PDB file of N, CA and C in Angstrom:
ATOM      1  N   UNK A   1      95.352  49.797  28.773  1.00  0.00           N
ATOM      2  CA  UNK A   1      96.394  48.911  29.548  1.00  0.00           C
ATOM      3  C   UNK A   1      96.704  47.866  30.078  1.00  0.00           C
ATOM      4  N   UNK A   2      94.760  47.677  29.838  1.00  0.00           N
ATOM      5  CA  UNK A   2      94.578  45.801  29.853  1.00  0.00           C
ATOM      6  C   UNK A   2      95.477  45.488  28.775  1.00  0.00           C
ATOM      7  N   UNK A   3      94.891  46.379  27.702  1.00  0.00           N
ATOM      8  CA  UNK A   3      95.001  45.301  26.026  1.00  0.00           C
ATOM      9  C   UNK A   3      96.458  45.072  26.141  1.00  0.00           C
ATOM     10  N   UNK A   4      98.101  46.314  26.989  1.00  0.00           N
ATOM     11  CA  UNK A   4      98.829  45.685  26.875  1.00  0.00           C
ATOM     12  C   UNK A   4      99.632  44.352  27.341  1.00  0.00           C
ATOM     13  N   UNK A   5      98.516  44.142  28.219  1.00  0.00           N
ATOM     14  CA  UNK A   5      98.935  43.433  29.459  1.00  0.00           C
ATOM     15  C   UNK A   5      98.230  41.600  28.932  1.00  0.00           C
ATOM     16  N   UNK A   6      96.929  42.190  28.046  1.00  0.00           N
ATOM     17  CA  UNK A   6      97.401  40.436  27.313  1.00  0.00           C
ATOM     18  C   UNK A   6      98.168  40.252  26.441  1.00  0.00           C
ATOM     19  N   UNK A   7      98.039  41.328  25.453  1.00  0.00           N
ATOM     20  CA  UNK A   7      99.387  41.196  24.602  1.00  0.00           C
ATOM     21  C   UNK A   7     100.556  40.757  24.679  1.00  0.00           C
ATOM     22  N   UNK A   8     101.334  40.852  26.319  1.00  0.00           N
ATOM     23  CA  UNK A   8     102.116  40.148  26.577  1.00  0.00           C
ATOM     24  C   UNK A   8     101.992  39.722  27.194  1.00  0.00           C
ATOM     25  N   UNK A   9     101.178  38.764  27.562  1.00  0.00           N
ATOM     26  CA  UNK A   9      99.885  37.502  27.797  1.00  0.00           C
ATOM     27  C   UNK A   9     100.087  36.505  26.884  1.00  0.00           C
ATOM     28  N   UNK A  10      99.623  37.067  25.939  1.00  0.00           N
ATOM     29  CA  UNK A  10      99.603  36.180  24.203  1.00  0.00           C
ATOM     30  C   UNK A  10     100.812  35.634  24.180  1.00  0.00           C
ATOM     31  N   UNK A  11     102.016  36.317  24.534  1.00  0.00           N
ATOM     32  CA  UNK A  11     103.150  36.903  23.654  1.00  0.00           C
ATOM     33  C   UNK A  11     104.089  35.981  23.993  1.00  0.00           C
ATOM     34  N   UNK A  12     103.568  36.063  24.851  1.00  0.00           N
ATOM     35  CA  UNK A  12     104.532  34.301  26.313  1.00  0.00           C
ATOM     36  C   UNK A  12     103.553  33.438  26.100  1.00  0.00           C
ATOM     37  N   UNK A  13     103.514  32.918  25.799  1.00  0.00           N
ATOM     38  CA  UNK A  13     101.855  31.489  24.930  1.00  0.00           C
ATOM     39  C   UNK A  13     102.854  31.381  24.261  1.00  0.00           C
ATOM     40  N   UNK A  14     102.805  32.274  23.810  1.00  0.00           N
ATOM     41  CA  UNK A  14     103.141  31.812  22.073  1.00  0.00           C
ATOM     42  C   UNK A  14     104.135  31.601  22.027  1.00  0.00           C
ATOM     43  N   UNK A  15     105.557  32.409  22.933  1.00  0.00           N
ATOM     44  CA  UNK A  15     106.831  32.142  22.646  1.00  0.00           C
ATOM     45  C   UNK A  15     107.027  30.156  23.660  1.00  0.00           C
ATOM     46  N   UNK A  16     106.678  30.336  24.681  1.00  0.00           N
ATOM     47  CA  UNK A  16     106.281  28.950  25.431  1.00  0.00           C
ATOM     48  C   UNK A  16     105.882  27.759  24.589  1.00  0.00           C
ATOM     49  N   UNK A  17     104.482  27.776  23.871  1.00  0.00           N
ATOM     50  CA  UNK A  17     103.941  27.019  23.130  1.00  0.00           C
ATOM     51  C   UNK A  17     105.079  26.710  21.644  1.00  0.00           C
ATOM     52  N   UNK A  18     105.540  27.778  20.953  1.00  0.00           N
ATOM     53  CA  UNK A  18     106.837  27.295  20.116  1.00  0.00           C
ATOM     54  C   UNK A  18     107.749  26.629  20.982  1.00  0.00           C
ATOM     55  N   UNK A  19     108.654  27.464  21.674  1.00  0.00           N
ATOM     56  CA  UNK A  19     109.316  26.234  22.207  1.00  0.00           C
ATOM     57  C   UNK A  19     109.425  24.836  22.570  1.00  0.00           C
ATOM     58  N   UNK A  20     107.439  24.311  23.364  1.00  0.00           N
ATOM     59  CA  UNK A  20     106.799  23.143  23.130  1.00  0.00           C
ATOM     60  C   UNK A  20     107.085  22.812  22.216  1.00  0.00           C
ATOM     61  N   UNK A  21     106.828  22.794  21.206  1.00  0.00           N
ATOM     62  CA  UNK A  21     107.269  22.360  19.740  1.00  0.00           C
ATOM     63  C   UNK A  21     108.430  21.829  19.238  1.00  0.00           C
ATOM     64  N   UNK A  22     109.476  22.822  19.404  1.00  0.00           N
ATOM     65  CA  UNK A  22     110.898  22.671  18.914  1.00  0.00           C
ATOM     66  C   UNK A  22     111.417  21.320  19.439  1.00  0.00           C
ATOM     67  N   UNK A  23     111.298  21.577  20.631  1.00  0.00           N
ATOM     68  CA  UNK A  23     111.702  20.454  21.949  1.00  0.00           C
ATOM     69  C   UNK A  23     110.896  19.411  21.784  1.00  0.00           C
ATOM     70  N   UNK A  24     109.528  18.909  20.877  1.00  0.00           N
ATOM     71  CA  UNK A  24     108.770  17.491  20.837  1.00  0.00           C
ATOM     72  C   UNK A  24     109.505  17.435  19.642  1.00  0.00           C
ATOM     73  N   UNK A  25     110.366  17.780  19.251  1.00  0.00           N
ATOM     74  CA  UNK A  25     110.932  17.419  17.399  1.00  0.00           C
ATOM     75  C   UNK A  25     112.265  16.696  18.428  1.00  0.00           C
ATOM     76  N   UNK A  26     112.995  17.031  19.332  1.00  0.00           N
ATOM     77  CA  UNK A  26     114.217  16.916  19.589  1.00  0.00           C
ATOM     78  C   UNK A  26     113.411  15.620  20.667  1.00  0.00           C
ATOM     79  N   UNK A  27     112.298  16.118  21.461  1.00  0.00           N
ATOM     80  CA  UNK A  27     112.218  14.436  22.149  1.00  0.00           C
ATOM     81  C   UNK A  27     112.194  13.296  21.669  1.00  0.00           C
ATOM     82  N   UNK A  28     111.123  13.906  20.615  1.00  0.00           N
ATOM     83  CA  UNK A  28     110.704  12.424  19.368  1.00  0.00           C
ATOM     84  C   UNK A  28     111.716  11.722  19.145  1.00  0.00           C
ATOM     85  N   UNK A  29     112.584  12.621  18.479  1.00  0.00           N
ATOM     86  CA  UNK A  29     114.561  11.938  17.588  1.00  0.00           C
ATOM     87  C   UNK A  29     115.274  11.319  18.796  1.00  0.00           C
ATOM     88  N   UNK A  30     115.322  11.480  20.159  1.00  0.00           N
ATOM     89  CA  UNK A  30     116.291  11.272  20.420  1.00  0.00           C
ATOM     90  C   UNK A  30     115.959  11.183  22.234  1.00  0.00           C
ATOM     91  N   UNK A  31     114.636  11.623  23.311  1.00  0.00           N
ATOM     92  CA  UNK A  31     115.047  12.193  24.148  1.00  0.00           C
ATOM     93  C   UNK A  31     114.405  10.447  24.480  1.00  0.00           C
ATOM     94  N   UNK A  32     112.743  10.056  24.052  1.00  0.00           N
ATOM     95  CA  UNK A  32     112.003   9.654  24.818  1.00  0.00           C
ATOM     96  C   UNK A  32     112.639   8.646  24.780  1.00  0.00           C
ATOM     97  N   UNK A  33     113.899   8.414  24.567  1.00  0.00           N
ATOM     98  CA  UNK A  33     113.824   6.471  24.213  1.00  0.00           C
ATOM     99  C   UNK A  33     115.185   6.539  25.578  1.00  0.00           C
ATOM    100  N   UNK A  34     115.627   8.084  25.929  1.00  0.00           N
ATOM    101  CA  UNK A  34     116.514   7.562  27.412  1.00  0.00           C
ATOM    102  C   UNK A  34     115.349   8.294  28.654  1.00  0.00           C
ATOM    103  N   UNK A  35     114.393   8.234  28.329  1.00  0.00           N
ATOM    104  CA  UNK A  35     113.530   8.567  29.796  1.00  0.00           C
ATOM    105  C   UNK A  35     112.713   7.067  30.077  1.00  0.00           C
ATOM    106  N   UNK A  36     111.948   6.750  28.745  1.00  0.00           N
ATOM    107  CA  UNK A  36     111.357   5.646  28.512  1.00  0.00           C
ATOM    108  C   UNK A  36     112.112   4.345  27.410  1.00  0.00           C
ATOM    109  N   UNK A  37     112.553   3.272  27.717  1.00  0.00           N
ATOM    110  CA  UNK A  37     113.466   1.785  26.535  1.00  0.00           C
ATOM    111  C   UNK A  37     111.945   1.560  25.966  1.00  0.00           C
ATOM    112  N   UNK A  38     110.761   1.819  26.389  1.00  0.00           N
ATOM    113  CA  UNK A  38     109.703   1.265  25.775  1.00  0.00           C
ATOM    114  C   UNK A  38     109.171   2.188  24.490  1.00  0.00           C
ATOM    115  N   UNK A  39     109.568   2.627  23.915  1.00  0.00           N
ATOM    116  CA  UNK A  39     108.816   4.244  23.334  1.00  0.00           C
ATOM    117  C   UNK A  39     109.993   3.593  21.806  1.00  0.00           C
ATOM    118  N   UNK A  40     111.180   2.783  21.863  1.00  0.00           N
ATOM    119  CA  UNK A  40     111.320   2.831  20.602  1.00  0.00           C
ATOM    120  C   UNK A  40     110.427   1.940  19.361  1.00  0.00           C
ATOM    121  N   UNK A  41     110.618   2.297  19.154  1.00  0.00           N
ATOM    122  CA  UNK A  41     109.958   1.522  17.563  1.00  0.00           C
ATOM    123  C   UNK A  41     108.361   2.058  17.135  1.00  0.00           C
ATOM    124  N   UNK A  42     107.991   3.320  17.862  1.00  0.00           N
ATOM    125  CA  UNK A  42     106.740   3.106  18.375  1.00  0.00           C
ATOM    126  C   UNK A  42     105.751   3.479  17.289  1.00  0.00           C
ATOM    127  N   UNK A  43     105.086   3.168  16.880  1.00  0.00           N
ATOM    128  CA  UNK A  43     104.282   4.115  15.955  1.00  0.00           C
ATOM    129  C   UNK A  43     103.692   5.690  15.641  1.00  0.00           C
ATOM    130  N   UNK A  44     103.711   6.368  14.631  1.00  0.00           N
ATOM    131  CA  UNK A  44     103.544   7.481  14.820  1.00  0.00           C
ATOM    132  C   UNK A  44     101.835   8.071  15.304  1.00  0.00           C
ATOM    133  N   UNK A  45     101.156   7.341  15.582  1.00  0.00           N
ATOM    134  CA  UNK A  45      99.659   7.587  15.950  1.00  0.00           C
ATOM    135  C   UNK A  45     100.217   7.909  17.577  1.00  0.00           C
ATOM    136  N   UNK A  46     100.761   6.896  18.012  1.00  0.00           N
ATOM    137  CA  UNK A  46     101.634   7.356  19.424  1.00  0.00           C
ATOM    138  C   UNK A  46     102.028   8.796  19.668  1.00  0.00           C
ATOM    139  N   UNK A  47     102.661   9.152  18.855  1.00  0.00           N
ATOM    140  CA  UNK A  47     104.158  10.403  19.112  1.00  0.00           C
ATOM    141  C   UNK A  47     102.669  11.127  19.488  1.00  0.00           C
ATOM    142  N   UNK A  48     101.781  10.991  17.913  1.00  0.00           N
ATOM    143  CA  UNK A  48     100.439  12.014  17.304  1.00  0.00           C
ATOM    144  C   UNK A  48     100.067  11.631  19.368  1.00  0.00           C
ATOM    145  N   UNK A  49      99.439  11.303  19.532  1.00  0.00           N
ATOM    146  CA  UNK A  49      98.826  10.949  21.119  1.00  0.00           C
ATOM    147  C   UNK A  49      99.213  11.821  22.234  1.00  0.00           C
ATOM    148  N   UNK A  50     100.704  11.237  22.012  1.00  0.00           N
ATOM    149  CA  UNK A  50     101.302  12.370  23.384  1.00  0.00           C
ATOM    150  C   UNK A  50     102.335  13.766  22.910  1.00  0.00           C
ATOM    151  N   UNK A  51     101.526  14.344  21.959  1.00  0.00           N
ATOM    152  CA  UNK A  51     102.234  15.041  21.048  1.00  0.00           C
ATOM    153  C   UNK A  51     101.599  16.800  22.537  1.00  0.00           C
ATOM    154  N   UNK A  52     100.338  16.444  22.409  1.00  0.00           N
ATOM    155  CA  UNK A  52      99.785  17.863  22.960  1.00  0.00           C
ATOM    156  C   UNK A  52     100.544  17.810  24.762  1.00  0.00           C
ATOM    157  N   UNK A  53     100.577  17.101  24.816  1.00  0.00           N
ATOM    158  CA  UNK A  53     102.265  16.440  26.371  1.00  0.00           C
ATOM    159  C   UNK A  53     102.761  16.737  26.956  1.00  0.00           C
ATOM    160  N   UNK A  54     103.227  16.654  25.895  1.00  0.00           N
ATOM    161  CA  UNK A  54     104.805  16.697  25.674  1.00  0.00           C
ATOM    162  C   UNK A  54     105.192  18.535  25.350  1.00  0.00           C
ATOM    163  N   UNK A  55     104.581  19.162  23.903  1.00  0.00           N
ATOM    164  CA  UNK A  55     103.802  20.049  24.032  1.00  0.00           C
ATOM    165  C   UNK A  55     104.256  21.198  25.640  1.00  0.00           C
ATOM    166  N   UNK A  56     102.820  21.006  26.413  1.00  0.00           N
ATOM    167  CA  UNK A  56     102.320  21.311  27.708  1.00  0.00           C
ATOM    168  C   UNK A  56     104.031  21.090  28.635  1.00  0.00           C
ATOM    169  N   UNK A  57     104.565  20.199  28.638  1.00  0.00           N
ATOM    170  CA  UNK A  57     105.145  20.359  29.922  1.00  0.00           C
ATOM    171  C   UNK A  57     106.539  19.225  29.725  1.00  0.00           C
ATOM    172  N   UNK A  58     106.708  20.702  28.309  1.00  0.00           N
ATOM    173  CA  UNK A  58     108.055  19.498  27.380  1.00  0.00           C
ATOM    174  C   UNK A  58     109.340  20.713  28.957  1.00  0.00           C
ATOM    175  N   UNK A  59     109.211  21.852  30.201  1.00  0.00           N
ATOM    176  CA  UNK A  59     110.365  21.793  30.686  1.00  0.00           C
ATOM    177  C   UNK A  59     110.750  20.725  32.267  1.00  0.00           C
ATOM    178  N   UNK A  60     109.765  20.127  32.722  1.00  0.00           N
ATOM    179  CA  UNK A  60     109.236  19.174  33.370  1.00  0.00           C
ATOM    180  C   UNK A  60     110.620  17.696  32.568  1.00  0.00           C
ATOM    181  N   UNK A  61     110.016  17.656  31.259  1.00  0.00           N
ATOM    182  CA  UNK A  61     111.140  17.092  30.387  1.00  0.00           C
ATOM    183  C   UNK A  61     112.141  16.557  30.026  1.00  0.00           C
ATOM    184  N   UNK A  62     112.572  18.158  30.052  1.00  0.00           N
ATOM    185  CA  UNK A  62     114.201  18.934  30.184  1.00  0.00           C
ATOM    186  C   UNK A  62     114.761  18.978  30.439  1.00  0.00           C
ATOM    187  N   UNK A  63     113.857  18.625  32.057  1.00  0.00           N
ATOM    188  CA  UNK A  63     114.407  19.029  33.247  1.00  0.00           C
ATOM    189  C   UNK A  63     115.124  16.996  33.256  1.00  0.00           C
ATOM    190  N   UNK A  64     114.104  16.320  33.345  1.00  0.00           N
ATOM    191  CA  UNK A  64     114.151  14.746  33.256  1.00  0.00           C
ATOM    192  C   UNK A  64     115.510  14.338  32.295  1.00  0.00           C
ATOM    193  N   UNK A  65     115.531  15.147  31.187  1.00  0.00           N
ATOM    194  CA  UNK A  65     117.043  14.710  30.282  1.00  0.00           C
ATOM    195  C   UNK A  65     117.736  15.033  30.605  1.00  0.00           C
ATOM    196  N   UNK A  66     117.737  16.206  31.140  1.00  0.00           N
ATOM    197  CA  UNK A  66     119.706  16.412  31.703  1.00  0.00           C
ATOM    198  C   UNK A  66     119.728  15.688  33.238  1.00  0.00           C
TER     199      UNK A  66
END
């Protein structure tokens, strides 16, 4: 019983992270400049620094883009 609950939790967390990674691709290409114009032309290491935050906070960023 507890093993199935853990499997479900891990599945949900995996789907959340996959959605975050996919969202980060769109966010880097088009979305970041809509939220903050200062991100235009930023180097790749800036994007690497904000990557964990974008992946974990993608629902809030998605709502902000809407």
